[in-house]
Amino acid sequence: MNKLGFWLVLAASLIATVGQILYKYSSESIAISFSGIFLNYYLIGGLFCYFLSAVLLITALKSLELSTAYPLFSLSYIFVAVASPFFFADDKINALKTAGILLIIAGAYFIGRQKK
């Protein structure tokens, strides 16, 4: 696997995680109106993170197969699950979430280890 592509996907995944956290913050303070949506800085920050993440992912796809890049991008699920309790008191990691995280890690590992 191309190392630059791997690092680009990892960076895209981390930036998408920040975007998800910003989306959650925006959902707690958003007013359902034109100005409420377009003046919500958390939402704007989340959208910017997703844009940047997409640019990195598209760049990574130049050197990685789509079937490799997207499962690696699923690491963002892990990052969100681990980061959420630090930002939101009601988010907890329980045994089922831990099992799911371990399965995602295993899948990303096996896909990342494929040799051509």
Protein backbone atom coordinates (compact mmCIF):
# COMPACT_ATOMS: atom_id res chain seq x y z
CA MET A 1 0.00 0.00 0.00
CA ASN A 2 1.17 3.50 -0.76
CA LYS A 3 2.30 5.12 2.51
CA LEU A 4 1.41 8.66 1.43
CA GLY A 5 -2.10 7.49 0.53
CA PHE A 6 -2.42 5.80 3.92
CA TRP A 7 -1.38 8.97 5.78
CA LEU A 8 -3.73 11.09 3.67
CA VAL A 9 -6.65 8.80 4.50
CA LEU A 10 -5.70 8.86 8.19
CA ALA A 11 -5.55 12.68 8.16
CA ALA A 12 -8.89 12.82 6.32
CA SER A 13 -10.38 10.53 8.95
CA LEU A 14 -9.11 12.66 11.83
CA ILE A 15 -10.37 15.88 10.23
CA ALA A 16 -13.77 14.26 9.58
CA THR A 17 -13.84 13.36 13.28
CA VAL A 18 -13.40 17.02 14.20
CA GLY A 19 -16.20 17.80 11.74
CA GLN A 20 -18.52 15.32 13.47
CA ILE A 21 -17.81 16.82 16.87
CA LEU A 22 -18.50 20.30 15.50
CA TYR A 23 -21.75 19.01 13.94
CA LYS A 24 -22.85 17.74 17.35
CA TYR A 25 -22.06 21.10 18.94
CA SER A 26 -23.97 22.85 16.15
CA SER A 27 -27.01 20.63 16.70
CA GLU A 28 -27.20 21.81 20.30
CA SER A 29 -27.26 25.49 19.35
CA ILE A 30 -28.80 25.64 15.88
CA ALA A 31 -31.89 27.69 15.17
CA ILE A 32 -33.98 26.40 12.30
CA SER A 33 -33.90 29.53 10.19
CA PHE A 34 -31.82 30.83 7.33
CA SER A 35 -29.67 33.04 9.54
CA GLY A 36 -29.59 30.44 12.33
CA ILE A 37 -28.07 27.89 10.00
CA PHE A 38 -25.65 30.13 8.14
CA LEU A 39 -24.43 31.96 11.24
CA ASN A 40 -23.78 28.81 13.27
CA TYR A 41 -19.99 28.75 13.51
CA TYR A 42 -19.89 25.14 14.68
CA LEU A 43 -21.81 24.12 11.57
CA ILE A 44 -19.57 26.21 9.32
CA GLY A 45 -16.48 24.70 10.98
CA GLY A 46 -17.88 21.18 10.57
CA LEU A 47 -18.62 21.78 6.89
CA PHE A 48 -15.11 23.15 6.37
CA CYS A 49 -13.63 20.07 8.05
CA TYR A 50 -15.67 17.81 5.78
CA PHE A 51 -14.54 19.78 2.73
CA LEU A 52 -10.89 19.47 3.76
CA SER A 53 -11.36 15.80 4.57
CA ALA A 54 -12.86 15.20 1.11
CA VAL A 55 -9.93 16.95 -0.58
CA LEU A 56 -7.46 14.75 1.31
CA LEU A 57 -9.45 11.60 0.57
CA ILE A 58 -9.68 12.42 -3.14
CA THR A 59 -5.94 13.03 -3.20
CA ALA A 60 -5.35 9.69 -1.47
CA LEU A 61 -7.49 7.94 -4.08
CA LYS A 62 -4.86 8.79 -6.69
CA SER A 63 -2.59 6.20 -5.11
CA LEU A 64 -5.00 3.85 -3.30
CA GLU A 65 -7.78 1.58 -4.44
CA LEU A 66 -11.23 2.76 -3.41
CA SER A 67 -11.83 -0.64 -1.80
CA THR A 68 -8.81 0.00 0.43
CA ALA A 69 -9.24 3.71 1.15
CA TYR A 70 -12.84 3.65 2.35
CA PRO A 71 -12.45 0.87 4.91
CA LEU A 72 -9.40 2.74 6.25
CA PHE A 73 -11.50 5.91 6.36
CA SER A 74 -13.87 4.01 8.67
CA LEU A 75 -11.30 4.66 11.39
CA SER A 76 -13.17 7.94 11.82
CA TYR A 77 -15.92 5.89 13.52
CA ILE A 78 -13.37 4.85 16.12
CA PHE A 79 -12.00 8.34 16.56
CA VAL A 80 -15.52 9.73 17.07
CA ALA A 81 -16.45 7.00 19.56
CA VAL A 82 -13.27 7.55 21.58
CA ALA A 83 -13.33 11.37 21.44
CA SER A 84 -17.05 11.85 22.17
CA PRO A 85 -16.91 11.14 25.92
CA PHE A 86 -14.29 13.88 26.29
CA PHE A 87 -16.58 16.46 24.70
CA PHE A 88 -20.06 15.25 25.64
CA ALA A 89 -20.81 14.00 29.15
CA ASP A 90 -23.72 11.80 28.04
CA ASP A 91 -21.58 9.83 25.57
CA LYS A 92 -20.16 6.68 27.13
CA ILE A 93 -18.13 3.77 25.79
CA ASN A 94 -19.69 0.46 26.84
CA ALA A 95 -18.85 -3.17 26.08
CA LEU A 96 -20.81 -3.28 22.80
CA LYS A 97 -19.14 -0.12 21.53
CA THR A 98 -15.76 -1.52 22.51
CA ALA A 99 -16.49 -4.73 20.59
CA GLY A 100 -17.53 -2.71 17.54
CA ILE A 101 -14.39 -0.58 17.76
CA LEU A 102 -12.23 -3.71 17.90
CA LEU A 103 -13.97 -5.16 14.84
CA ILE A 104 -13.42 -1.94 12.87
CA ILE A 105 -9.74 -1.94 13.88
CA ALA A 106 -9.38 -5.56 12.79
CA GLY A 107 -11.05 -4.88 9.45
CA ALA A 108 -8.93 -1.80 8.76
CA TYR A 109 -5.81 -3.75 9.72
CA PHE A 110 -6.54 -6.66 7.40
CA ILE A 111 -7.45 -4.41 4.48
CA GLY A 112 -4.39 -2.26 5.08
CA ARG A 113 -2.13 -5.31 5.10
CA GLN A 114 -3.18 -6.53 1.65
CA LYS A 115 -0.26 -7.12 -0.67
CA LYS A 116 -0.44 -6.85 -4.43
